[in-house]
Amino acid sequence: MANMKTIPMNATNGETFPRIWKTAQHGTFDGLNPDDPYLEQCRWWLERFECIVIFTRDVGYHTSGWWKNPDYERCYHLSISFPGGMKRSRLEYVIKQLFGDDRRWLWCEGPYSEVGRQCGVFHYRLFCDPAWKPLKPRGEVYTREFTEAGWKSFSELHQL
């Protein structure tokens, strides 16, 4: 796979998943620059599982004005696709290796963009507190129950 780091077929789980996790720890992604070098560092082709993964620490969901609830400010974000076709057992295995028991808190979303639909990209987010410890968010993303006074939406911040 061009422009992407490859983890070879013979790499063990003990080599593969800690490497992916450790790489994610070296930065954060705010979604504003699709050419962010951090994002590229977090993109992998896993030969053994025949999948493409991007595993990042995302920030800014609340402070950017996207979601009202501050519990949704930051997350570990796995984007995964299987170019040869979805393999459910491999998907579940990769999720278990990356998230362990915290996978019970995952938020799953299907493809959003047209390109994402064509590629079959699914997104898994594990929301975290400010110390990057997993949490179960209180309420929905758009609830104002926990929103601080003076918070502004993305359109208000950018005068759209």
C-alpha atoms as a PDB file:
ATOM      1  CA  MET A   1       0.000   0.000   0.000  1.00  0.00           C
ATOM      2  CA  ALA A   2       1.498   3.272  -1.158  1.00  0.00           C
ATOM      3  CA  ASN A   3       2.099   6.191   1.253  1.00  0.00           C
ATOM      4  CA  MET A   4       1.344   4.078   4.265  1.00  0.00           C
ATOM      5  CA  LYS A   5       3.433   2.194   6.796  1.00  0.00           C
ATOM      6  CA  THR A   6       3.075  -1.583   6.617  1.00  0.00           C
ATOM      7  CA  ILE A   7       3.088  -3.989   9.514  1.00  0.00           C
ATOM      8  CA  PRO A   8       4.151  -7.280   7.944  1.00  0.00           C
ATOM      9  CA  MET A   9       2.312 -10.565   7.975  1.00  0.00           C
ATOM     10  CA  ASN A  10       4.736 -12.148  10.455  1.00  0.00           C
ATOM     11  CA  ALA A  11       4.554  -9.355  13.079  1.00  0.00           C
ATOM     12  CA  THR A  12       3.193 -10.619  16.383  1.00  0.00           C
ATOM     13  CA  ASN A  13       0.339  -9.013  18.295  1.00  0.00           C
ATOM     14  CA  GLY A  14       2.948  -7.932  20.850  1.00  0.00           C
ATOM     15  CA  GLU A  15       4.722  -5.980  18.117  1.00  0.00           C
ATOM     16  CA  THR A  16       1.736  -4.784  16.105  1.00  0.00           C
ATOM     17  CA  PHE A  17      -0.738  -3.253  18.519  1.00  0.00           C
ATOM     18  CA  PRO A  18       1.669  -1.600  20.981  1.00  0.00           C
ATOM     19  CA  ARG A  19       3.383   0.026  17.983  1.00  0.00           C
ATOM     20  CA  ILE A  20       0.084   1.449  16.722  1.00  0.00           C
ATOM     21  CA  TRP A  21      -0.903   2.613  20.220  1.00  0.00           C
ATOM     22  CA  LYS A  22       2.522   4.173  20.924  1.00  0.00           C
ATOM     23  CA  THR A  23       2.507   6.097  17.647  1.00  0.00           C
ATOM     24  CA  ALA A  24      -0.877   7.628  18.523  1.00  0.00           C
ATOM     25  CA  GLN A  25       0.574   8.924  21.821  1.00  0.00           C
ATOM     26  CA  HIS A  26       2.958  11.261  19.972  1.00  0.00           C
ATOM     27  CA  GLY A  27       0.360  13.863  19.068  1.00  0.00           C
ATOM     28  CA  THR A  28      -3.277  14.781  18.593  1.00  0.00           C
ATOM     29  CA  PHE A  29      -5.467  15.430  15.582  1.00  0.00           C
ATOM     30  CA  ASP A  30      -8.077  18.199  15.518  1.00  0.00           C
ATOM     31  CA  GLY A  31      -9.601  17.334  12.147  1.00  0.00           C
ATOM     32  CA  LEU A  32      -8.717  20.676  10.570  1.00  0.00           C
ATOM     33  CA  ASN A  33      -5.823  19.608   8.337  1.00  0.00           C
ATOM     34  CA  PRO A  34      -6.194  16.352   6.377  1.00  0.00           C
ATOM     35  CA  ASP A  35      -2.480  16.651   5.469  1.00  0.00           C
ATOM     36  CA  ASP A  36      -1.376  16.772   9.118  1.00  0.00           C
ATOM     37  CA  PRO A  37       1.884  14.751   9.432  1.00  0.00           C
ATOM     38  CA  TYR A  38       0.563  13.200  12.675  1.00  0.00           C
ATOM     39  CA  LEU A  39      -2.379  11.717  10.771  1.00  0.00           C
ATOM     40  CA  GLU A  40      -0.025  10.179   8.224  1.00  0.00           C
ATOM     41  CA  GLN A  41       2.148   8.712  10.997  1.00  0.00           C
ATOM     42  CA  CYS A  42      -0.941   6.987  12.400  1.00  0.00           C
ATOM     43  CA  ARG A  43      -1.941   5.301   9.107  1.00  0.00           C
ATOM     44  CA  TRP A  44      -1.092   1.597   8.746  1.00  0.00           C
ATOM     45  CA  TRP A  45      -1.590  -1.352   6.398  1.00  0.00           C
ATOM     46  CA  LEU A  46      -1.867  -4.506   8.513  1.00  0.00           C
ATOM     47  CA  GLU A  47      -0.932  -7.352   6.175  1.00  0.00           C
ATOM     48  CA  ARG A  48      -2.101 -10.141   8.482  1.00  0.00           C
ATOM     49  CA  PHE A  49      -5.564  -8.616   8.871  1.00  0.00           C
ATOM     50  CA  GLU A  50      -5.779  -7.184   5.326  1.00  0.00           C
ATOM     51  CA  CYS A  51      -6.968  -3.836   6.633  1.00  0.00           C
ATOM     52  CA  ILE A  52      -6.071  -0.171   6.714  1.00  0.00           C
ATOM     53  CA  VAL A  53      -6.185   1.492  10.112  1.00  0.00           C
ATOM     54  CA  ILE A  54      -5.752   5.054  11.236  1.00  0.00           C
ATOM     55  CA  PHE A  55      -5.495   5.235  15.017  1.00  0.00           C
ATOM     56  CA  THR A  56      -5.276   8.743  16.493  1.00  0.00           C
ATOM     57  CA  ARG A  57      -5.948  10.777  19.594  1.00  0.00           C
ATOM     58  CA  ASP A  58      -8.547  13.323  18.486  1.00  0.00           C
ATOM     59  CA  VAL A  59      -9.215  16.605  20.274  1.00  0.00           C
ATOM     60  CA  GLY A  60     -11.526  19.577  19.902  1.00  0.00           C
ATOM     61  CA  TYR A  61     -14.958  18.055  19.423  1.00  0.00           C
ATOM     62  CA  HIS A  62     -16.407  20.400  22.059  1.00  0.00           C
ATOM     63  CA  THR A  63     -14.037  23.373  22.070  1.00  0.00           C
ATOM     64  CA  SER A  64     -14.287  23.687  18.289  1.00  0.00           C
ATOM     65  CA  GLY A  65     -18.045  24.080  18.654  1.00  0.00           C
ATOM     66  CA  TRP A  66     -18.944  20.800  17.002  1.00  0.00           C
ATOM     67  CA  TRP A  67     -20.636  19.151  20.005  1.00  0.00           C
ATOM     68  CA  LYS A  68     -22.244  20.849  22.977  1.00  0.00           C
ATOM     69  CA  ASN A  69     -21.436  18.205  25.609  1.00  0.00           C
ATOM     70  CA  PRO A  70     -17.875  18.650  26.987  1.00  0.00           C
ATOM     71  CA  ASP A  71     -17.618  14.907  27.748  1.00  0.00           C
ATOM     72  CA  TYR A  72     -17.098  14.464  23.996  1.00  0.00           C
ATOM     73  CA  GLU A  73     -14.021  16.721  23.765  1.00  0.00           C
ATOM     74  CA  ARG A  74     -11.367  14.046  23.137  1.00  0.00           C
ATOM     75  CA  CYS A  75     -11.151  10.429  22.058  1.00  0.00           C
ATOM     76  CA  TYR A  76      -9.050   7.623  20.711  1.00  0.00           C
ATOM     77  CA  HIS A  77     -10.274   7.249  17.141  1.00  0.00           C
ATOM     78  CA  LEU A  78      -9.904   4.128  15.029  1.00  0.00           C
ATOM     79  CA  SER A  79     -10.776   4.360  11.335  1.00  0.00           C
ATOM     80  CA  ILE A  80     -10.655   0.935   9.717  1.00  0.00           C
ATOM     81  CA  SER A  81     -11.382  -0.478   6.283  1.00  0.00           C
ATOM     82  CA  PHE A  82     -10.886  -3.795   4.504  1.00  0.00           C
ATOM     83  CA  PRO A  83     -10.055  -3.177   0.825  1.00  0.00           C
ATOM     84  CA  GLY A  84     -10.760  -6.826  -0.043  1.00  0.00           C
ATOM     85  CA  GLY A  85     -14.120  -6.759   1.742  1.00  0.00           C
ATOM     86  CA  MET A  86     -15.236  -6.555   5.377  1.00  0.00           C
ATOM     87  CA  LYS A  87     -14.065  -9.419   7.539  1.00  0.00           C
ATOM     88  CA  ARG A  88     -16.107  -9.253  10.763  1.00  0.00           C
ATOM     89  CA  SER A  89     -13.905 -11.613  12.781  1.00  0.00           C
ATOM     90  CA  ARG A  90     -10.776  -9.626  11.876  1.00  0.00           C
ATOM     91  CA  LEU A  91     -12.517  -6.352  12.674  1.00  0.00           C
ATOM     92  CA  GLU A  92     -13.532  -7.613  16.113  1.00  0.00           C
ATOM     93  CA  TYR A  93     -10.028  -8.944  16.737  1.00  0.00           C
ATOM     94  CA  VAL A  94      -8.339  -5.624  15.880  1.00  0.00           C
ATOM     95  CA  ILE A  95     -10.829  -3.726  18.066  1.00  0.00           C
ATOM     96  CA  LYS A  96     -10.200  -6.085  20.986  1.00  0.00           C
ATOM     97  CA  GLN A  97      -6.424  -5.753  20.625  1.00  0.00           C
ATOM     98  CA  LEU A  98      -6.516  -1.941  20.507  1.00  0.00           C
ATOM     99  CA  PHE A  99      -9.202  -1.230  23.089  1.00  0.00           C
ATOM    100  CA  GLY A 100      -9.311  -4.309  25.339  1.00  0.00           C
ATOM    101  CA  ASP A 101     -12.137  -4.229  27.884  1.00  0.00           C
ATOM    102  CA  ASP A 102     -12.728  -0.533  27.161  1.00  0.00           C
ATOM    103  CA  ARG A 103     -14.312  -1.553  23.857  1.00  0.00           C
ATOM    104  CA  ARG A 104     -17.649  -1.692  25.702  1.00  0.00           C
ATOM    105  CA  TRP A 105     -17.568   2.144  25.668  1.00  0.00           C
ATOM    106  CA  LEU A 106     -16.889   2.453  21.915  1.00  0.00           C
ATOM    107  CA  TRP A 107     -19.033   4.627  19.737  1.00  0.00           C
ATOM    108  CA  CYS A 108     -19.265   3.189  16.229  1.00  0.00           C
ATOM    109  CA  GLU A 109     -20.111   5.155  13.088  1.00  0.00           C
ATOM    110  CA  GLY A 110     -20.401   3.954   9.544  1.00  0.00           C
ATOM    111  CA  PRO A 111     -18.956   5.732   6.532  1.00  0.00           C
ATOM    112  CA  TYR A 112     -19.793   9.443   6.316  1.00  0.00           C
ATOM    113  CA  SER A 113     -18.389  10.711   3.020  1.00  0.00           C
ATOM    114  CA  GLU A 114     -18.897   9.266  -0.436  1.00  0.00           C
ATOM    115  CA  VAL A 115     -15.247   8.175  -0.516  1.00  0.00           C
ATOM    116  CA  GLY A 116     -15.695   6.599   2.922  1.00  0.00           C
ATOM    117  CA  ARG A 117     -18.727   4.665   1.703  1.00  0.00           C
ATOM    118  CA  GLN A 118     -16.852   3.450  -1.366  1.00  0.00           C
ATOM    119  CA  CYS A 119     -13.951   2.275   0.800  1.00  0.00           C
ATOM    120  CA  GLY A 120     -16.137   0.869   3.587  1.00  0.00           C
ATOM    121  CA  VAL A 121     -14.485   2.911   6.344  1.00  0.00           C
ATOM    122  CA  PHE A 122     -15.902   2.490   9.847  1.00  0.00           C
ATOM    123  CA  HIS A 123     -15.033   4.699  12.818  1.00  0.00           C
ATOM    124  CA  TYR A 124     -14.712   3.670  16.460  1.00  0.00           C
ATOM    125  CA  ARG A 125     -14.255   6.296  19.157  1.00  0.00           C
ATOM    126  CA  LEU A 126     -13.349   5.816  22.802  1.00  0.00           C
ATOM    127  CA  PHE A 127     -14.030   9.092  24.592  1.00  0.00           C
ATOM    128  CA  CYS A 128     -11.638  10.099  27.366  1.00  0.00           C
ATOM    129  CA  ASP A 129     -11.234  12.517  30.238  1.00  0.00           C
ATOM    130  CA  PRO A 130      -8.511  15.229  30.170  1.00  0.00           C
ATOM    131  CA  ALA A 131      -5.925  12.659  31.397  1.00  0.00           C
ATOM    132  CA  TRP A 132      -6.852  10.340  28.461  1.00  0.00           C
ATOM    133  CA  LYS A 133      -8.572   7.816  30.728  1.00  0.00           C
ATOM    134  CA  PRO A 134     -11.608   6.218  29.045  1.00  0.00           C
ATOM    135  CA  LEU A 135     -15.012   7.441  30.146  1.00  0.00           C
ATOM    136  CA  LYS A 136     -18.645   6.821  29.434  1.00  0.00           C
ATOM    137  CA  PRO A 137     -19.934  10.263  28.368  1.00  0.00           C
ATOM    138  CA  ARG A 138     -22.909  11.668  30.224  1.00  0.00           C
ATOM    139  CA  GLY A 139     -25.834  12.337  27.937  1.00  0.00           C
ATOM    140  CA  GLU A 140     -25.907  12.936  24.207  1.00  0.00           C
ATOM    141  CA  VAL A 141     -23.465  15.023  22.157  1.00  0.00           C
ATOM    142  CA  TYR A 142     -25.962  17.841  21.694  1.00  0.00           C
ATOM    143  CA  THR A 143     -27.200  18.127  25.282  1.00  0.00           C
ATOM    144  CA  ARG A 144     -26.482  21.469  26.962  1.00  0.00           C
ATOM    145  CA  GLU A 145     -26.929  19.957  30.420  1.00  0.00           C
ATOM    146  CA  PHE A 146     -23.146  19.939  31.019  1.00  0.00           C
ATOM    147  CA  THR A 147     -22.164  22.811  28.697  1.00  0.00           C
ATOM    148  CA  GLU A 148     -20.340  25.710  30.295  1.00  0.00           C
ATOM    149  CA  ALA A 149     -21.743  29.245  30.087  1.00  0.00           C
ATOM    150  CA  GLY A 150     -20.576  31.156  27.023  1.00  0.00           C
ATOM    151  CA  TRP A 151     -19.926  28.078  24.857  1.00  0.00           C
ATOM    152  CA  LYS A 152     -20.328  28.797  21.133  1.00  0.00           C
ATOM    153  CA  SER A 153     -21.118  26.459  18.260  1.00  0.00           C
ATOM    154  CA  PHE A 154     -18.797  26.004  15.284  1.00  0.00           C
ATOM    155  CA  SER A 155     -20.957  28.308  13.148  1.00  0.00           C
ATOM    156  CA  GLU A 156     -20.921  30.973  15.878  1.00  0.00           C
ATOM    157  CA  LEU A 157     -17.141  30.688  16.279  1.00  0.00           C
ATOM    158  CA  HIS A 158     -16.582  30.976  12.533  1.00  0.00           C
ATOM    159  CA  GLN A 159     -19.481  33.331  11.785  1.00  0.00           C
ATOM    160  CA  LEU A 160     -21.079  30.977   9.272  1.00  0.00           C
END
